[in-house]
Amino acid sequence: AARAGILTQCINHREFPSREDFDTAVVKALREAGVELVVLAG
């Protein structure tokens, strides 16, 4: 992604006490980027 000039972010799940807390952080980052469709790729 970086080579293609795309915004990247690492949100390490090990830094969160629960799956829900991790997902909340990911959702926040996606919304801040104006994402309309989430694509899981591995």
All heavy atoms as atom14 arrays in JSON, in Angstrom:
{
  "sequence": "AARAGILTQCINHREFPSREDFDTAVVKALREAGVELVVLAG",
  "atom14_mask": [
    [1, 1, 1, 1, 1, 0, 0, 0, 0, 0, 0, 0, 0, 0],
    [1, 1, 1, 1, 1, 0, 0, 0, 0, 0, 0, 0, 0, 0],
    [1, 1, 1, 1, 1, 1, 1, 1, 1, 1, 1, 0, 0, 0],
    [1, 1, 1, 1, 1, 0, 0, 0, 0, 0, 0, 0, 0, 0],
    [1, 1, 1, 1, 0, 0, 0, 0, 0, 0, 0, 0, 0, 0],
    [1, 1, 1, 1, 1, 1, 1, 1, 0, 0, 0, 0, 0, 0],
    [1, 1, 1, 1, 1, 1, 1, 1, 0, 0, 0, 0, 0, 0],
    [1, 1, 1, 1, 1, 1, 1, 0, 0, 0, 0, 0, 0, 0],
    [1, 1, 1, 1, 1, 1, 1, 1, 1, 0, 0, 0, 0, 0],
    [1, 1, 1, 1, 1, 1, 0, 0, 0, 0, 0, 0, 0, 0],
    [1, 1, 1, 1, 1, 1, 1, 1, 0, 0, 0, 0, 0, 0],
    [1, 1, 1, 1, 1, 1, 1, 1, 0, 0, 0, 0, 0, 0],
    [1, 1, 1, 1, 1, 1, 1, 1, 1, 1, 0, 0, 0, 0],
    [1, 1, 1, 1, 1, 1, 1, 1, 1, 1, 1, 0, 0, 0],
    [1, 1, 1, 1, 1, 1, 1, 1, 1, 0, 0, 0, 0, 0],
    [1, 1, 1, 1, 1, 1, 1, 1, 1, 1, 1, 0, 0, 0],
    [1, 1, 1, 1, 1, 1, 1, 0, 0, 0, 0, 0, 0, 0],
    [1, 1, 1, 1, 1, 1, 0, 0, 0, 0, 0, 0, 0, 0],
    [1, 1, 1, 1, 1, 1, 1, 1, 1, 1, 1, 0, 0, 0],
    [1, 1, 1, 1, 1, 1, 1, 1, 1, 0, 0, 0, 0, 0],
    [1, 1, 1, 1, 1, 1, 1, 1, 0, 0, 0, 0, 0, 0],
    [1, 1, 1, 1, 1, 1, 1, 1, 1, 1, 1, 0, 0, 0],
    [1, 1, 1, 1, 1, 1, 1, 1, 0, 0, 0, 0, 0, 0],
    [1, 1, 1, 1, 1, 1, 1, 0, 0, 0, 0, 0, 0, 0],
    [1, 1, 1, 1, 1, 0, 0, 0, 0, 0, 0, 0, 0, 0],
    [1, 1, 1, 1, 1, 1, 1, 0, 0, 0, 0, 0, 0, 0],
    [1, 1, 1, 1, 1, 1, 1, 0, 0, 0, 0, 0, 0, 0],
    [1, 1, 1, 1, 1, 1, 1, 1, 1, 0, 0, 0, 0, 0],
    [1, 1, 1, 1, 1, 0, 0, 0, 0, 0, 0, 0, 0, 0],
    [1, 1, 1, 1, 1, 1, 1, 1, 0, 0, 0, 0, 0, 0],
    [1, 1, 1, 1, 1, 1, 1, 1, 1, 1, 1, 0, 0, 0],
    [1, 1, 1, 1, 1, 1, 1, 1, 1, 0, 0, 0, 0, 0],
    [1, 1, 1, 1, 1, 0, 0, 0, 0, 0, 0, 0, 0, 0],
    [1, 1, 1, 1, 0, 0, 0, 0, 0, 0, 0, 0, 0, 0],
    [1, 1, 1, 1, 1, 1, 1, 0, 0, 0, 0, 0, 0, 0],
    [1, 1, 1, 1, 1, 1, 1, 1, 1, 0, 0, 0, 0, 0],
    [1, 1, 1, 1, 1, 1, 1, 1, 0, 0, 0, 0, 0, 0],
    [1, 1, 1, 1, 1, 1, 1, 0, 0, 0, 0, 0, 0, 0],
    [1, 1, 1, 1, 1, 1, 1, 0, 0, 0, 0, 0, 0, 0],
    [1, 1, 1, 1, 1, 1, 1, 1, 0, 0, 0, 0, 0, 0],
    [1, 1, 1, 1, 1, 0, 0, 0, 0, 0, 0, 0, 0, 0],
    [1, 1, 1, 1, 0, 0, 0, 0, 0, 0, 0, 0, 0, 0]
  ],
  "atom14_positions": [
    [[0.83, -1.21, 0.0], [0.0, 0.0, 0.0], [0.86, 1.26, 0.0], [0.59, 2.21, -0.74], [-0.92, -0.02, 1.2], [0.0, 0.0, 0.0], [0.0, 0.0, 0.0], [0.0, 0.0, 0.0], [0.0, 0.0, 0.0], [0.0, 0.0, 0.0], [0.0, 0.0, 0.0], [0.0, 0.0, 0.0], [0.0, 0.0, 0.0], [0.0, 0.0, 0.0]],
    [[1.91, 1.26, 0.81], [2.78, 2.44, 0.88], [3.43, 2.72, -0.47], [3.53, 3.87, -0.9], [3.83, 2.23, 1.95], [0.0, 0.0, 0.0], [0.0, 0.0, 0.0], [0.0, 0.0, 0.0], [0.0, 0.0, 0.0], [0.0, 0.0, 0.0], [0.0, 0.0, 0.0], [0.0, 0.0, 0.0], [0.0, 0.0, 0.0], [0.0, 0.0, 0.0]],
    [[3.87, 1.65, -1.17], [4.49, 1.83, -2.48], [3.5, 2.42, -3.49], [3.91, 3.09, -4.44], [5.04, 0.51, -3.01], [6.28, 0.03, -2.3], [6.98, -1.06, -3.09], [6.16, -2.25, -3.25], [6.16, -3.28, -2.41], [6.93, -3.25, -1.32], [5.39, -4.33, -2.63], [0.0, 0.0, 0.0], [0.0, 0.0, 0.0], [0.0, 0.0, 0.0]],
    [[2.21, 2.14, -3.28], [1.18, 2.65, -4.18], [0.67, 4.03, -3.75], [-0.25, 4.56, -4.37], [0.01, 1.67, -4.25], [0.0, 0.0, 0.0], [0.0, 0.0, 0.0], [0.0, 0.0, 0.0], [0.0, 0.0, 0.0], [0.0, 0.0, 0.0], [0.0, 0.0, 0.0], [0.0, 0.0, 0.0], [0.0, 0.0, 0.0], [0.0, 0.0, 0.0]],
    [[1.24, 4.58, -2.69], [0.83, 5.89, -2.22], [-0.48, 5.91, -1.47], [-1.14, 6.94, -1.39], [0.0, 0.0, 0.0], [0.0, 0.0, 0.0], [0.0, 0.0, 0.0], [0.0, 0.0, 0.0], [0.0, 0.0, 0.0], [0.0, 0.0, 0.0], [0.0, 0.0, 0.0], [0.0, 0.0, 0.0], [0.0, 0.0, 0.0], [0.0, 0.0, 0.0]],
    [[-0.84, 4.76, -0.9], [-2.1, 4.63, -0.16], [-1.85, 4.82, 1.33], [-0.85, 4.32, 1.86], [-2.73, 3.25, -0.43], [-3.04, 3.08, -1.92], [-3.99, 3.04, 0.41], [-3.38, 1.67, -2.31], [0.0, 0.0, 0.0], [0.0, 0.0, 0.0], [0.0, 0.0, 0.0], [0.0, 0.0, 0.0], [0.0, 0.0, 0.0], [0.0, 0.0, 0.0]],
    [[-2.75, 5.5, 1.98], [-2.67, 5.68, 3.43], [-2.67, 4.34, 4.13], [-3.49, 3.46, 3.82], [-3.87, 6.52, 3.91], [-4.0, 6.73, 5.43], [-2.87, 7.6, 5.95], [-5.36, 7.35, 5.74], [0.0, 0.0, 0.0], [0.0, 0.0, 0.0], [0.0, 0.0, 0.0], [0.0, 0.0, 0.0], [0.0, 0.0, 0.0], [0.0, 0.0, 0.0]],
    [[-1.77, 4.13, 5.07], [-1.7, 2.89, 5.84], [-1.78, 3.17, 7.33], [-1.43, 4.26, 7.79], [-0.4, 2.11, 5.55], [0.72, 2.86, 6.03], [-0.25, 1.82, 4.07], [0.0, 0.0, 0.0], [0.0, 0.0, 0.0], [0.0, 0.0, 0.0], [0.0, 0.0, 0.0], [0.0, 0.0, 0.0], [0.0, 0.0, 0.0], [0.0, 0.0, 0.0]],
    [[-2.23, 2.16, 8.04], [-2.27, 2.26, 9.5], [-2.14, 0.87, 10.1], [-2.8, -0.07, 9.64], [-3.58, 2.91, 9.96], [-3.58, 3.26, 11.45], [-4.75, 4.17, 11.82], [-5.44, 4.71, 10.95], [-4.97, 4.34, 13.1], [0.0, 0.0, 0.0], [0.0, 0.0, 0.0], [0.0, 0.0, 0.0], [0.0, 0.0, 0.0], [0.0, 0.0, 0.0]],
    [[-1.29, 0.73, 11.09], [-1.18, -0.52, 11.84], [-1.88, -0.34, 13.17], [-1.54, 0.56, 13.95], [0.28, -0.91, 12.05], [0.46, -2.44, 13.0], [0.0, 0.0, 0.0], [0.0, 0.0, 0.0], [0.0, 0.0, 0.0], [0.0, 0.0, 0.0], [0.0, 0.0, 0.0], [0.0, 0.0, 0.0], [0.0, 0.0, 0.0], [0.0, 0.0, 0.0]],
    [[-2.86, -1.21, 13.41], [-3.56, -1.23, 14.7], [-3.37, -2.63, 15.26], [-4.04, -3.58, 14.84], [-5.06, -0.89, 14.53], [-5.22, 0.48, 13.85], [-5.76, -0.9, 15.89], [-6.66, 0.87, 13.57], [0.0, 0.0, 0.0], [0.0, 0.0, 0.0], [0.0, 0.0, 0.0], [0.0, 0.0, 0.0], [0.0, 0.0, 0.0], [0.0, 0.0, 0.0]],
    [[-2.41, -2.76, 16.14], [-2.01, -4.07, 16.65], [-3.03, -4.59, 17.65], [-3.25, -3.98, 18.7], [-0.63, -3.97, 17.3], [0.01, -5.32, 17.56], [-0.69, -6.32, 17.76], [1.33, -5.36, 17.56], [0.0, 0.0, 0.0], [0.0, 0.0, 0.0], [0.0, 0.0, 0.0], [0.0, 0.0, 0.0], [0.0, 0.0, 0.0], [0.0, 0.0, 0.0]],
    [[-3.65, -5.73, 17.33], [-4.71, -6.26, 18.21], [-4.18, -6.63, 19.59], [-4.94, -6.68, 20.56], [-5.37, -7.48, 17.56], [-4.45, -8.64, 17.38], [-3.58, -8.77, 16.32], [-4.27, -9.75, 18.16], [-2.9, -9.89, 16.44], [-3.3, -10.5, 17.53], [0.0, 0.0, 0.0], [0.0, 0.0, 0.0], [0.0, 0.0, 0.0], [0.0, 0.0, 0.0]],
    [[-2.87, -6.88, 19.68], [-2.29, -7.28, 20.97], [-2.28, -6.13, 21.98], [-2.08, -6.35, 23.18], [-0.86, -7.79, 20.76], [-0.78, -9.08, 19.96], [0.65, -9.56, 19.81], [0.71, -10.83, 19.1], [0.76, -10.95, 17.79], [0.75, -9.85, 17.03], [0.81, -12.13, 17.21], [0.0, 0.0, 0.0], [0.0, 0.0, 0.0], [0.0, 0.0, 0.0]],
    [[-2.54, -4.94, 21.51], [-2.53, -3.77, 22.39], [-3.92, -3.46, 22.96], [-4.07, -2.46, 23.66], [-2.0, -2.56, 21.63], [-0.55, -2.74, 21.15], [-0.06, -1.59, 20.29], [-0.88, -0.66, 20.02], [1.12, -1.61, 19.89], [0.0, 0.0, 0.0], [0.0, 0.0, 0.0], [0.0, 0.0, 0.0], [0.0, 0.0, 0.0], [0.0, 0.0, 0.0]],
    [[-4.89, -4.33, 22.68], [-6.26, -4.09, 23.13], [-6.73, -5.21, 24.05], [-6.42, -6.38, 23.81], [-7.2, -3.95, 21.93], [-6.9, -2.75, 21.07], [-5.93, -2.8, 20.09], [-7.57, -1.55, 21.29], [-5.64, -1.69, 19.32], [-7.29, -0.44, 20.52], [-6.32, -0.5, 19.52], [0.0, 0.0, 0.0], [0.0, 0.0, 0.0], [0.0, 0.0, 0.0]],
    [[-7.51, -4.87, 25.08], [-7.93, -5.89, 26.05], [-9.0, -6.85, 25.53], [-9.19, -7.93, 26.07], [-8.47, -5.07, 27.23], [-8.87, -3.76, 26.63], [-7.9, -3.52, 25.52], [0.0, 0.0, 0.0], [0.0, 0.0, 0.0], [0.0, 0.0, 0.0], [0.0, 0.0, 0.0], [0.0, 0.0, 0.0], [0.0, 0.0, 0.0], [0.0, 0.0, 0.0]],
    [[-9.72, -6.46, 24.46], [-10.79, -7.32, 23.95], [-10.92, -7.14, 22.45], [-10.44, -6.15, 21.87], [-12.13, -6.99, 24.62], [-12.59, -5.71, 24.19], [0.0, 0.0, 0.0], [0.0, 0.0, 0.0], [0.0, 0.0, 0.0], [0.0, 0.0, 0.0], [0.0, 0.0, 0.0], [0.0, 0.0, 0.0], [0.0, 0.0, 0.0], [0.0, 0.0, 0.0]],
    [[-11.6, -8.1, 21.82], [-11.86, -7.99, 20.38], [-12.71, -6.78, 20.07], [-12.53, -6.11, 19.06], [-12.56, -9.26, 19.88], [-11.66, -10.48, 19.8], [-12.45, -11.7, 19.36], [-11.59, -12.87, 19.18], [-12.04, -14.09, 18.93], [-13.34, -14.3, 18.82], [-11.2, -15.09, 18.77], [0.0, 0.0, 0.0], [0.0, 0.0, 0.0], [0.0, 0.0, 0.0]],
    [[-13.67, -6.5, 20.96], [-14.57, -5.36, 20.73], [-13.79, -4.05, 20.77], [-14.04, -3.14, 19.96], [-15.68, -5.35, 21.77], [-16.72, -6.44, 21.6], [-16.25, -7.82, 22.06], [-15.2, -7.88, 22.74], [-16.93, -8.81, 21.75], [0.0, 0.0, 0.0], [0.0, 0.0, 0.0], [0.0, 0.0, 0.0], [0.0, 0.0, 0.0], [0.0, 0.0, 0.0]],
    [[-12.84, -3.93, 21.7], [-12.04, -2.71, 21.79], [-11.18, -2.54, 20.54], [-11.03, -1.43, 20.02], [-11.14, -2.75, 23.03], [-11.93, -2.59, 24.32], [-13.0, -1.95, 24.29], [-11.48, -3.11, 25.36], [0.0, 0.0, 0.0], [0.0, 0.0, 0.0], [0.0, 0.0, 0.0], [0.0, 0.0, 0.0], [0.0, 0.0, 0.0], [0.0, 0.0, 0.0]],
    [[-10.62, -3.64, 20.06], [-9.84, -3.59, 18.82], [-10.72, -3.17, 17.65], [-10.35, -2.28, 16.86], [-9.21, -4.96, 18.55], [-8.59, -5.09, 17.2], [-7.41, -4.44, 16.88], [-9.19, -5.88, 16.22], [-6.83, -4.57, 15.63], [-8.63, -6.01, 14.97], [-7.44, -5.35, 14.66], [0.0, 0.0, 0.0], [0.0, 0.0, 0.0], [0.0, 0.0, 0.0]],
    [[-11.88, -3.78, 17.53], [-12.78, -3.45, 16.43], [-13.22, -1.99, 16.49], [-13.36, -1.33, 15.45], [-14.0, -4.37, 16.45], [-13.74, -5.69, 15.75], [-12.59, -5.94, 15.35], [-14.69, -6.49, 15.61], [0.0, 0.0, 0.0], [0.0, 0.0, 0.0], [0.0, 0.0, 0.0], [0.0, 0.0, 0.0], [0.0, 0.0, 0.0], [0.0, 0.0, 0.0]],
    [[-13.44, -1.48, 17.68], [-13.84, -0.08, 17.83], [-12.76, 0.84, 17.28], [-13.06, 1.83, 16.59], [-14.11, 0.24, 19.31], [-15.21, -0.55, 19.78], [-14.43, 1.71, 19.51], [0.0, 0.0, 0.0], [0.0, 0.0, 0.0], [0.0, 0.0, 0.0], [0.0, 0.0, 0.0], [0.0, 0.0, 0.0], [0.0, 0.0, 0.0], [0.0, 0.0, 0.0]],
    [[-11.5, 0.52, 17.55], [-10.39, 1.33, 17.04], [-10.3, 1.25, 15.51], [-10.06, 2.25, 14.84], [-9.08, 0.87, 17.67], [0.0, 0.0, 0.0], [0.0, 0.0, 0.0], [0.0, 0.0, 0.0], [0.0, 0.0, 0.0], [0.0, 0.0, 0.0], [0.0, 0.0, 0.0], [0.0, 0.0, 0.0], [0.0, 0.0, 0.0], [0.0, 0.0, 0.0]],
    [[-10.51, 0.05, 14.96], [-10.46, -0.11, 13.51], [-11.61, 0.64, 12.85], [-11.43, 1.33, 11.84], [-10.47, -1.6, 13.12], [-10.54, -1.76, 11.61], [-9.23, -2.31, 13.66], [0.0, 0.0, 0.0], [0.0, 0.0, 0.0], [0.0, 0.0, 0.0], [0.0, 0.0, 0.0], [0.0, 0.0, 0.0], [0.0, 0.0, 0.0], [0.0, 0.0, 0.0]],
    [[-12.8, 0.51, 13.42], [-13.97, 1.22, 12.88], [-13.72, 2.72, 12.88], [-14.04, 3.42, 11.9], [-15.23, 0.87, 13.69], [-16.37, 1.85, 13.39], [-15.68, -0.56, 13.4], [0.0, 0.0, 0.0], [0.0, 0.0, 0.0], [0.0, 0.0, 0.0], [0.0, 0.0, 0.0], [0.0, 0.0, 0.0], [0.0, 0.0, 0.0], [0.0, 0.0, 0.0]],
    [[-13.14, 3.24, 13.94], [-12.85, 4.68, 14.03], [-11.92, 5.1, 12.89], [-12.15, 6.12, 12.23], [-12.22, 4.99, 15.38], [-11.89, 6.47, 15.6], [-11.38, 6.69, 17.03], [-11.12, 8.16, 17.3], [-9.94, 8.66, 16.56], [0.0, 0.0, 0.0], [0.0, 0.0, 0.0], [0.0, 0.0, 0.0], [0.0, 0.0, 0.0], [0.0, 0.0, 0.0]],
    [[-10.87, 4.3, 12.64], [-9.93, 4.63, 11.58], [-10.59, 4.58, 10.2], [-10.33, 5.43, 9.34], [-8.73, 3.69, 11.63], [0.0, 0.0, 0.0], [0.0, 0.0, 0.0], [0.0, 0.0, 0.0], [0.0, 0.0, 0.0], [0.0, 0.0, 0.0], [0.0, 0.0, 0.0], [0.0, 0.0, 0.0], [0.0, 0.0, 0.0], [0.0, 0.0, 0.0]],
    [[-11.45, 3.59, 10.0], [-12.15, 3.47, 8.72], [-13.09, 4.65, 8.49], [-13.16, 5.21, 7.39], [-12.92, 2.15, 8.67], [-12.07, 0.88, 8.6], [-12.94, -0.34, 8.86], [-11.38, 0.74, 7.25], [0.0, 0.0, 0.0], [0.0, 0.0, 0.0], [0.0, 0.0, 0.0], [0.0, 0.0, 0.0], [0.0, 0.0, 0.0], [0.0, 0.0, 0.0]],
    [[-13.8, 5.03, 9.52], [-14.73, 6.15, 9.4], [-13.98, 7.45, 9.14], [-14.43, 8.29, 8.35], [-15.6, 6.24, 10.66], [-16.71, 5.19, 10.69], [-17.51, 5.27, 11.96], [-18.75, 4.5, 11.85], [-19.5, 4.15, 12.89], [-19.11, 4.49, 14.12], [-20.62, 3.46, 12.72], [0.0, 0.0, 0.0], [0.0, 0.0, 0.0], [0.0, 0.0, 0.0]],
    [[-12.85, 7.63, 9.81], [-12.06, 8.85, 9.61], [-11.57, 8.95, 8.17], [-11.37, 10.05, 7.65], [-10.88, 8.88, 10.58], [-11.29, 9.17, 12.02], [-10.13, 9.08, 13.0], [-9.05, 8.58, 12.59], [-10.31, 9.5, 14.15], [0.0, 0.0, 0.0], [0.0, 0.0, 0.0], [0.0, 0.0, 0.0], [0.0, 0.0, 0.0], [0.0, 0.0, 0.0]],
    [[-11.37, 7.79, 7.53], [-10.92, 7.77, 6.13], [-12.08, 7.84, 5.15], [-11.86, 7.82, 3.93], [-10.09, 6.51, 5.88], [0.0, 0.0, 0.0], [0.0, 0.0, 0.0], [0.0, 0.0, 0.0], [0.0, 0.0, 0.0], [0.0, 0.0, 0.0], [0.0, 0.0, 0.0], [0.0, 0.0, 0.0], [0.0, 0.0, 0.0], [0.0, 0.0, 0.0]],
    [[-13.31, 7.89, 5.65], [-14.47, 7.99, 4.77], [-14.79, 6.72, 4.01], [-15.32, 6.76, 2.9], [0.0, 0.0, 0.0], [0.0, 0.0, 0.0], [0.0, 0.0, 0.0], [0.0, 0.0, 0.0], [0.0, 0.0, 0.0], [0.0, 0.0, 0.0], [0.0, 0.0, 0.0], [0.0, 0.0, 0.0], [0.0, 0.0, 0.0], [0.0, 0.0, 0.0]],
    [[-14.5, 5.58, 4.62], [-14.69, 4.29, 3.95], [-16.17, 3.95, 3.84], [-16.93, 4.1, 4.8], [-13.92, 3.19, 4.72], [-14.35, 1.79, 4.27], [-12.43, 3.38, 4.54], [0.0, 0.0, 0.0], [0.0, 0.0, 0.0], [0.0, 0.0, 0.0], [0.0, 0.0, 0.0], [0.0, 0.0, 0.0], [0.0, 0.0, 0.0], [0.0, 0.0, 0.0]],
    [[-16.55, 3.45, 2.66], [-17.93, 3.04, 2.41], [-18.09, 1.52, 2.33], [-19.17, 0.99, 2.57], [-18.41, 3.65, 1.09], [-18.39, 5.17, 1.08], [-18.57, 5.72, -0.31], [-17.66, 5.53, -1.15], [-19.62, 6.36, -0.55], [0.0, 0.0, 0.0], [0.0, 0.0, 0.0], [0.0, 0.0, 0.0], [0.0, 0.0, 0.0], [0.0, 0.0, 0.0]],
    [[-17.03, 0.82, 1.96], [-17.04, -0.64, 1.87], [-15.75, -1.16, 2.46], [-14.66, -0.68, 2.12], [-17.15, -1.09, 0.41], [-17.07, -2.61, 0.17], [-18.32, -3.31, 0.72], [-16.9, -2.92, -1.32], [0.0, 0.0, 0.0], [0.0, 0.0, 0.0], [0.0, 0.0, 0.0], [0.0, 0.0, 0.0], [0.0, 0.0, 0.0], [0.0, 0.0, 0.0]],
    [[-15.88, -2.15, 3.35], [-14.7, -2.75, 4.0], [-14.4, -4.08, 3.31], [-15.27, -4.94, 3.17], [-14.94, -2.98, 5.5], [-13.7, -3.56, 6.15], [-15.34, -1.66, 6.18], [0.0, 0.0, 0.0], [0.0, 0.0, 0.0], [0.0, 0.0, 0.0], [0.0, 0.0, 0.0], [0.0, 0.0, 0.0], [0.0, 0.0, 0.0], [0.0, 0.0, 0.0]],
    [[-13.15, -4.23, 2.89], [-12.71, -5.41, 2.16], [-11.66, -6.15, 3.0], [-10.61, -5.59, 3.3], [-12.11, -5.01, 0.79], [-11.59, -6.24, 0.06], [-13.15, -4.28, -0.05], [0.0, 0.0, 0.0], [0.0, 0.0, 0.0], [0.0, 0.0, 0.0], [0.0, 0.0, 0.0], [0.0, 0.0, 0.0], [0.0, 0.0, 0.0], [0.0, 0.0, 0.0]],
    [[-11.97, -7.38, 3.37], [-11.02, -8.2, 4.11], [-10.16, -8.97, 3.12], [-10.68, -9.68, 2.26], [-11.73, -9.16, 5.06], [-12.77, -8.56, 6.01], [-13.24, -9.63, 7.01], [-12.21, -7.36, 6.76], [0.0, 0.0, 0.0], [0.0, 0.0, 0.0], [0.0, 0.0, 0.0], [0.0, 0.0, 0.0], [0.0, 0.0, 0.0], [0.0, 0.0, 0.0]],
    [[-8.86, -8.82, 3.23], [-7.93, -9.47, 2.3], [-6.86, -10.2, 3.1], [-5.77, -9.68, 3.34], [-7.3, -8.44, 1.36], [0.0, 0.0, 0.0], [0.0, 0.0, 0.0], [0.0, 0.0, 0.0], [0.0, 0.0, 0.0], [0.0, 0.0, 0.0], [0.0, 0.0, 0.0], [0.0, 0.0, 0.0], [0.0, 0.0, 0.0], [0.0, 0.0, 0.0]],
    [[-7.22, -11.4, 3.55], [-6.3, -12.15, 4.4], [-6.2, -11.54, 5.79], [-5.12, -11.48, 6.37], [0.0, 0.0, 0.0], [0.0, 0.0, 0.0], [0.0, 0.0, 0.0], [0.0, 0.0, 0.0], [0.0, 0.0, 0.0], [0.0, 0.0, 0.0], [0.0, 0.0, 0.0], [0.0, 0.0, 0.0], [0.0, 0.0, 0.0], [0.0, 0.0, 0.0]]
  ]
}
